[in-house]
Amino acid sequence: MPRHDGRTAQIGDTLSAAQPRPQPAARSLAAAIRQPRRGGALERAVEMVIYGTGVLTLVLLIGILVLLAQQGLRLFLEFDYSFWRFLTYPNAITDNTSHPEDFRFGIIAPLIATLWVTLVTLVLAVPLGLATAVYISEIAPPGVRLYIKSAAELLAGVPTILFGFVGLFLLVPFVRDQFGWGAGGMSGMTAGIVVAFIAVPLIISIADDALQAVPVDFRENAYALGCNKLQAIWFVIMPAAISGLAAAAMLGMARAVGETMAVLILAGGNSSITDSPFDSMRTMTATIASGFGNASAYSLLRPALFMTGLVLFAITFFTTVIADAVLEKQRKRFSR
């Protein structure tokens, strides 16, 4: 057997010392990786709950659509009411009758009323909401921004029927005495003014998020080129955030289309086609709310109101989907 002399032993000790030894932190990390993670079961349970909530939302959405279609199509399939008459009849009289020839209900009158109220709302709410969002995002000091943002969020949580009461006791007497709009001051214009204040907080919130999503580089480059604050806002920041601002306007539109109580109180209740927003009118939501309580299960009125709800659902659904697609476009544009 070969004998190891002292020089060989010294070389072995040197090589052993040269090998890297695992540090304590590395050993602790390796041990933690090998051990089963604590709370893993709880995390999986939470993930399943979140996933189930998302699936439930989708199921509810599909269920609402199926229910509206199932009940609404009875108007044509079971009661043999003319589809063309439903589209074109210039009135939406909510009478309980089971005879198609005596039923006088068309979607065109409440649809036009809804468009009038929505138009007034957009004309008032979009400039006010966007201007406020630009101010709190680009101009206001942090303290002022916090107060305005909190006030907008608080305003968004106020029940809309309270807006209707405020409009009924403050705005309606004023427009009745000064302008004579509609039926005693109740008109599409009156309702649109109040609904504009309901839609403004939503527009402010979404537009502010869109403006905040614009990278800081855009602002710095604009200032480096000699732009002042207003020039940077108008020529750089707002064009960069145009997708989000458009989505804010579209979601404000969806909010106006779906508003019920304030419109029911303030629009006046005329069920025929109106020529201007200064007339008394009844929107689709107000038609459903006012007629459903008296609708018999055996009359044509109930399926007609379900069909009206289906049209309303389609308008708000597609508006929201388009707005979400526009917002997603902006998120991808500025993603890093």
Protein backbone atom coordinates (compact mmCIF):
# COMPACT_ATOMS: atom_id res chain seq x y z
CA MET A 1 0.00 0.00 0.00
CA PRO A 2 1.33 3.44 -0.89
CA ARG A 3 2.17 5.64 2.00
CA HIS A 4 1.02 9.23 2.14
CA ASP A 5 3.71 11.57 3.19
CA GLY A 6 3.17 14.93 4.87
CA ARG A 7 3.28 16.84 1.58
CA THR A 8 0.35 14.85 0.18
CA ALA A 9 -1.70 15.45 3.32
CA GLN A 10 -0.97 19.17 3.12
CA ILE A 11 -2.16 19.33 -0.51
CA GLY A 12 -5.39 17.52 0.48
CA ASP A 13 -6.05 19.97 3.27
CA THR A 14 -5.46 22.91 0.91
CA LEU A 15 -7.94 21.56 -1.66
CA SER A 16 -10.55 20.96 1.02
CA ALA A 17 -10.17 24.50 2.28
CA ALA A 18 -10.47 25.88 -1.27
CA GLN A 19 -13.89 24.29 -1.84
CA PRO A 20 -16.79 26.74 -1.19
CA ARG A 21 -18.70 26.01 1.94
CA PRO A 22 -22.45 26.68 2.06
CA GLN A 23 -23.28 29.85 3.94
CA PRO A 24 -25.83 29.77 6.77
CA ALA A 25 -28.33 31.86 4.81
CA ALA A 26 -28.07 29.53 1.80
CA ARG A 27 -28.53 26.48 4.03
CA SER A 28 -31.62 28.05 5.61
CA LEU A 29 -33.09 28.88 2.18
CA ALA A 30 -32.46 25.37 0.91
CA ALA A 31 -34.08 23.89 4.00
CA ALA A 32 -37.08 26.19 3.61
CA ILE A 33 -37.50 25.13 -0.02
CA ARG A 34 -37.36 21.46 0.87
CA GLN A 35 -39.92 21.82 3.66
CA PRO A 36 -43.64 21.97 2.76
CA ARG A 37 -44.84 25.58 2.67
CA ARG A 38 -46.97 26.65 5.58
CA GLY A 39 -50.42 27.96 4.71
CA GLY A 40 -50.40 26.35 1.26
CA ALA A 41 -53.79 24.73 1.83
CA LEU A 42 -55.27 28.05 2.94
CA GLU A 43 -53.90 29.80 -0.13
CA ARG A 44 -55.38 27.15 -2.42
CA ALA A 45 -58.73 27.51 -0.65
CA VAL A 46 -58.68 31.29 -1.14
CA GLU A 47 -57.78 30.85 -4.80
CA MET A 48 -60.69 28.46 -5.24
CA VAL A 49 -63.07 30.94 -3.59
CA ILE A 50 -61.90 33.74 -5.89
CA TYR A 51 -62.19 31.48 -8.91
CA GLY A 52 -65.67 30.39 -7.82
CA THR A 53 -66.73 34.01 -7.40
CA GLY A 54 -65.65 34.78 -10.95
CA VAL A 55 -67.50 31.75 -12.31
CA LEU A 56 -70.59 32.70 -10.28
CA THR A 57 -70.55 36.20 -11.77
CA LEU A 58 -70.46 34.74 -15.26
CA VAL A 59 -73.26 32.29 -14.42
CA LEU A 60 -75.42 35.10 -13.03
CA LEU A 61 -74.82 37.19 -16.14
CA ILE A 62 -75.82 34.33 -18.42
CA GLY A 63 -78.78 33.53 -16.16
CA ILE A 64 -80.10 37.09 -16.37
CA LEU A 65 -79.79 37.03 -20.15
CA VAL A 66 -81.57 33.67 -20.41
CA LEU A 67 -84.36 34.78 -18.06
CA LEU A 68 -84.98 38.02 -19.96
CA ALA A 69 -84.98 36.23 -23.31
CA GLN A 70 -87.18 33.40 -22.09
CA GLN A 71 -89.81 35.68 -20.58
CA GLY A 72 -89.58 38.40 -23.22
CA LEU A 73 -89.89 36.17 -26.27
CA ARG A 74 -93.23 34.92 -24.91
CA LEU A 75 -94.65 38.20 -26.20
CA PHE A 76 -94.15 37.01 -29.79
CA LEU A 77 -94.22 33.23 -29.48
CA GLU A 78 -97.03 32.70 -26.98
CA PHE A 79 -99.16 35.85 -27.27
CA ASP A 80 -98.57 36.33 -31.01
CA TYR A 81 -97.82 40.05 -30.68
CA SER A 82 -96.32 41.60 -33.81
CA PHE A 83 -92.55 42.10 -33.57
CA TRP A 84 -92.76 45.01 -35.99
CA ARG A 85 -95.49 46.62 -33.85
CA PHE A 86 -93.27 46.21 -30.79
CA LEU A 87 -90.46 48.02 -32.59
CA THR A 88 -92.44 50.84 -34.17
CA TYR A 89 -95.60 51.59 -32.18
CA PRO A 90 -95.21 55.22 -30.99
CA ASN A 91 -96.40 54.66 -27.44
CA ALA A 92 -95.70 52.43 -24.46
CA ILE A 93 -99.05 52.20 -22.67
CA THR A 94 -98.78 49.77 -19.77
CA ASP A 95 -102.27 48.25 -19.94
CA ASN A 96 -103.12 44.80 -18.65
CA THR A 97 -104.66 42.98 -21.58
CA SER A 98 -104.38 39.51 -23.07
CA HIS A 99 -105.57 40.52 -26.54
CA PRO A 100 -102.78 41.44 -28.96
CA GLU A 101 -105.02 43.73 -31.01
CA ASP A 102 -105.79 45.84 -27.91
CA PHE A 103 -102.21 46.04 -26.63
CA ARG A 104 -100.56 49.36 -27.47
CA PHE A 105 -96.92 49.00 -26.55
CA GLY A 106 -93.81 49.82 -28.55
CA ILE A 107 -90.15 50.11 -27.59
CA ILE A 108 -89.43 53.16 -29.74
CA ALA A 109 -90.93 55.75 -27.34
CA PRO A 110 -89.03 54.69 -24.18
CA LEU A 111 -85.89 54.12 -26.28
CA ILE A 112 -85.98 57.69 -27.62
CA ALA A 113 -86.63 59.00 -24.10
CA THR A 114 -83.62 57.06 -22.84
CA LEU A 115 -81.47 58.52 -25.60
CA TRP A 116 -82.61 62.07 -24.76
CA VAL A 117 -81.76 61.70 -21.07
CA THR A 118 -78.45 60.03 -21.91
CA LEU A 119 -77.53 62.79 -24.36
CA VAL A 120 -78.21 65.52 -21.80
CA THR A 121 -76.21 63.57 -19.21
CA LEU A 122 -73.20 63.16 -21.49
CA VAL A 123 -73.20 66.81 -22.57
CA LEU A 124 -73.04 67.89 -18.94
CA ALA A 125 -71.18 65.08 -17.19
CA VAL A 126 -68.33 64.35 -19.62
CA PRO A 127 -66.79 67.88 -19.68
CA LEU A 128 -67.26 68.29 -15.93
CA GLY A 129 -65.91 64.85 -15.10
CA LEU A 130 -62.90 65.05 -17.42
CA ALA A 131 -62.01 68.58 -16.30
CA THR A 132 -62.16 67.50 -12.67
CA ALA A 133 -60.04 64.42 -13.38
CA VAL A 134 -57.41 66.51 -15.17
CA TYR A 135 -57.32 68.97 -12.30
CA ILE A 136 -56.87 66.41 -9.53
CA SER A 137 -54.40 64.35 -11.59
CA GLU A 138 -52.13 67.08 -12.98
CA ILE A 139 -52.70 70.38 -11.19
CA ALA A 140 -54.13 70.02 -7.69
CA PRO A 141 -51.83 69.70 -4.66
CA PRO A 142 -51.90 66.29 -2.94
CA GLY A 143 -54.14 67.54 -0.13
CA VAL A 144 -56.72 69.03 -2.51
CA ARG A 145 -56.58 65.90 -4.67
CA LEU A 146 -57.35 63.75 -1.64
CA TYR A 147 -60.37 65.85 -0.66
CA ILE A 148 -61.84 65.95 -4.16
CA LYS A 149 -61.23 62.24 -4.73
CA SER A 150 -62.86 61.38 -1.40
CA ALA A 151 -65.83 63.63 -2.15
CA ALA A 152 -66.32 61.98 -5.54
CA GLU A 153 -66.19 58.51 -3.99
CA LEU A 154 -68.66 59.58 -1.31
CA LEU A 155 -70.96 61.04 -3.96
CA ALA A 156 -70.84 57.77 -5.88
CA GLY A 157 -72.15 55.93 -2.81
CA VAL A 158 -75.21 58.13 -2.30
CA PRO A 159 -78.46 56.31 -3.27
CA THR A 160 -79.75 57.73 -6.52
CA ILE A 161 -83.25 58.16 -5.16
CA LEU A 162 -81.84 60.88 -2.92
CA PHE A 163 -80.60 62.68 -6.03
CA GLY A 164 -84.14 62.38 -7.31
CA PHE A 165 -85.54 63.97 -4.14
CA VAL A 166 -83.05 66.83 -4.33
CA GLY A 167 -83.95 67.44 -7.96
CA LEU A 168 -87.66 67.25 -7.20
CA PHE A 169 -87.56 69.89 -4.46
CA LEU A 170 -84.83 72.18 -5.84
CA LEU A 171 -84.51 71.83 -9.61
CA VAL A 172 -88.10 71.09 -10.66
CA PRO A 173 -89.64 74.26 -9.12
CA PHE A 174 -86.86 76.38 -10.63
CA VAL A 175 -87.22 75.10 -14.20
CA ARG A 176 -91.02 75.17 -13.90
CA ASP A 177 -91.04 78.85 -12.93
CA GLN A 178 -88.19 79.97 -15.20
CA PHE A 179 -88.54 77.80 -18.32
CA GLY A 180 -91.80 75.84 -18.10
CA TRP A 181 -90.24 72.56 -19.20
CA GLY A 182 -92.30 69.39 -19.47
CA ALA A 183 -95.08 68.61 -17.02
CA GLY A 184 -94.69 71.08 -14.18
CA GLY A 185 -90.91 71.20 -14.59
CA MET A 186 -90.51 67.43 -14.99
CA SER A 187 -88.81 66.63 -18.28
CA GLY A 188 -85.96 64.76 -19.90
CA MET A 189 -83.75 67.80 -19.46
CA THR A 190 -84.48 67.96 -15.74
CA ALA A 191 -83.76 64.26 -15.32
CA GLY A 192 -80.61 64.52 -17.45
CA ILE A 193 -79.20 67.33 -15.32
CA VAL A 194 -79.59 65.28 -12.15
CA VAL A 195 -78.33 62.05 -13.73
CA ALA A 196 -75.24 63.97 -14.87
CA PHE A 197 -74.27 64.48 -11.23
CA ILE A 198 -74.82 60.77 -10.66
CA ALA A 199 -72.49 59.85 -13.54
CA VAL A 200 -69.78 62.43 -12.77
CA PRO A 201 -68.09 60.47 -9.91
CA LEU A 202 -67.70 57.40 -12.14
CA ILE A 203 -66.21 59.47 -14.96
CA ILE A 204 -63.83 61.22 -12.55
CA SER A 205 -62.57 57.94 -11.10
CA ILE A 206 -61.92 56.19 -14.42
CA ALA A 207 -60.48 59.28 -16.15
CA ASP A 208 -58.16 59.93 -13.21
CA ASP A 209 -56.87 56.35 -13.37
CA ALA A 210 -56.30 56.74 -17.11
CA LEU A 211 -54.32 59.96 -16.64
CA GLN A 212 -52.27 58.47 -13.81
CA ALA A 213 -51.39 55.53 -16.09
CA VAL A 214 -49.55 57.83 -18.53
CA PRO A 215 -45.80 57.34 -17.87
CA VAL A 216 -43.88 60.13 -16.19
CA ASP A 217 -41.51 60.18 -19.18
CA PHE A 218 -44.24 61.75 -21.28
CA ARG A 219 -44.54 64.68 -18.90
CA GLU A 220 -40.78 65.12 -18.48
CA ASN A 221 -40.20 65.07 -22.23
CA ALA A 222 -42.93 67.63 -22.77
CA TYR A 223 -41.42 69.96 -20.18
CA ALA A 224 -37.96 69.42 -21.67
CA LEU A 225 -39.29 70.61 -25.03
CA GLY A 226 -40.49 73.84 -23.46
CA CYS A 227 -44.17 73.06 -22.85
CA ASN A 228 -45.88 74.65 -19.90
CA LYS A 229 -48.34 72.78 -17.69
CA LEU A 230 -51.44 73.39 -19.81
CA GLN A 231 -49.65 72.63 -23.07
CA ALA A 232 -48.32 69.37 -21.67
CA ILE A 233 -51.82 68.40 -20.51
CA TRP A 234 -53.57 69.31 -23.76
CA PHE A 235 -51.03 68.16 -26.34
CA VAL A 236 -49.29 65.24 -24.59
CA ILE A 237 -51.04 63.76 -21.56
CA MET A 238 -54.66 63.82 -22.73
CA PRO A 239 -53.87 62.42 -26.19
CA ALA A 240 -51.83 59.67 -24.55
CA ALA A 241 -54.77 58.82 -22.25
CA ILE A 242 -57.48 59.24 -24.89
CA SER A 243 -58.47 55.56 -24.75
CA GLY A 244 -59.10 55.69 -21.01
CA LEU A 245 -60.92 59.00 -21.27
CA ALA A 246 -63.18 57.60 -23.98
CA ALA A 247 -63.87 54.56 -21.81
CA ALA A 248 -64.79 56.85 -18.92
CA ALA A 249 -67.33 58.63 -21.13
CA MET A 250 -68.76 55.32 -22.34
CA LEU A 251 -69.17 53.95 -18.82
CA GLY A 252 -70.80 57.24 -17.83
CA MET A 253 -73.20 56.66 -20.72
CA ALA A 254 -73.96 53.16 -19.46
CA ARG A 255 -74.60 54.62 -16.02
CA ALA A 256 -77.08 57.09 -17.48
CA VAL A 257 -78.87 54.46 -19.56
CA GLY A 258 -79.37 52.23 -16.54
CA GLU A 259 -80.50 54.90 -14.09
CA THR A 260 -84.02 54.27 -12.77
CA MET A 261 -85.20 56.10 -9.67
CA ALA A 262 -84.04 59.62 -10.45
CA VAL A 263 -85.47 59.37 -13.98
CA LEU A 264 -88.71 57.87 -12.70
CA ILE A 265 -89.15 60.82 -10.33
CA LEU A 266 -87.99 63.66 -12.60
CA ALA A 267 -88.68 62.78 -16.26
CA GLY A 268 -92.44 63.28 -16.14
CA GLY A 269 -93.93 59.97 -17.27
CA ASN A 270 -95.19 60.70 -20.79
CA SER A 271 -95.29 57.33 -22.61
CA SER A 272 -95.45 58.66 -26.17
CA ILE A 273 -92.62 59.72 -28.49
CA THR A 274 -91.10 63.09 -27.59
CA ASP A 275 -89.56 65.62 -29.95
CA SER A 276 -87.08 67.28 -27.59
CA PRO A 277 -85.51 66.76 -24.17
CA PHE A 278 -87.65 69.59 -22.79
CA ASP A 279 -90.78 67.41 -22.97
CA SER A 280 -92.13 65.02 -20.40
CA MET A 281 -91.02 61.46 -21.14
CA ARG A 282 -90.60 57.97 -19.74
CA THR A 283 -87.40 56.02 -20.29
CA MET A 284 -87.03 52.25 -20.56
CA THR A 285 -86.05 51.86 -16.92
CA ALA A 286 -88.93 54.07 -15.78
CA THR A 287 -91.34 52.12 -17.99
CA ILE A 288 -90.28 48.84 -16.40
CA ALA A 289 -90.38 50.24 -12.86
CA SER A 290 -93.78 51.90 -13.25
CA GLY A 291 -95.50 49.09 -15.11
CA PHE A 292 -94.21 45.90 -13.55
CA GLY A 293 -96.08 46.27 -10.27
CA ASN A 294 -99.44 46.19 -12.06
CA ALA A 295 -98.50 43.62 -14.71
CA SER A 296 -100.64 40.50 -14.60
CA ALA A 297 -99.01 37.14 -15.22
CA TYR A 298 -101.57 36.46 -17.98
CA SER A 299 -101.32 39.78 -19.80
CA LEU A 300 -99.06 40.94 -22.61
CA LEU A 301 -97.61 43.66 -20.39
CA ARG A 302 -95.29 41.42 -18.38
CA PRO A 303 -93.46 39.83 -21.35
CA ALA A 304 -93.35 43.26 -23.03
CA LEU A 305 -91.55 44.67 -19.99
CA PHE A 306 -89.16 41.71 -19.97
CA MET A 307 -88.46 42.37 -23.64
CA THR A 308 -87.79 46.01 -22.82
CA GLY A 309 -85.38 44.85 -20.14
CA LEU A 310 -83.63 42.64 -22.69
CA VAL A 311 -83.08 45.63 -24.99
CA LEU A 312 -81.80 47.66 -22.04
CA PHE A 313 -79.49 44.83 -21.01
CA ALA A 314 -78.07 44.60 -24.53
CA ILE A 315 -77.34 48.34 -24.68
CA THR A 316 -75.57 48.49 -21.32
CA PHE A 317 -73.74 45.19 -21.87
CA PHE A 318 -72.22 46.12 -25.21
CA THR A 319 -71.37 49.61 -24.00
CA THR A 320 -69.53 48.18 -21.00
CA VAL A 321 -67.73 45.54 -23.08
CA ILE A 322 -66.51 48.17 -25.56
CA ALA A 323 -65.37 50.43 -22.72
CA ASP A 324 -63.46 47.56 -21.08
CA ALA A 325 -61.80 46.75 -24.40
CA VAL A 326 -60.72 50.37 -24.78
CA LEU A 327 -59.30 50.40 -21.24
CA GLU A 328 -57.42 47.17 -21.88
CA LYS A 329 -55.92 48.74 -24.98
CA GLN A 330 -54.50 51.57 -22.87
CA ARG A 331 -53.15 49.16 -20.25
CA LYS A 332 -51.27 47.22 -22.92
CA ARG A 333 -49.99 50.44 -24.48
CA PHE A 334 -48.34 51.63 -21.27
CA SER A 335 -47.36 48.25 -19.82
CA ARG A 336 -43.67 47.95 -19.10
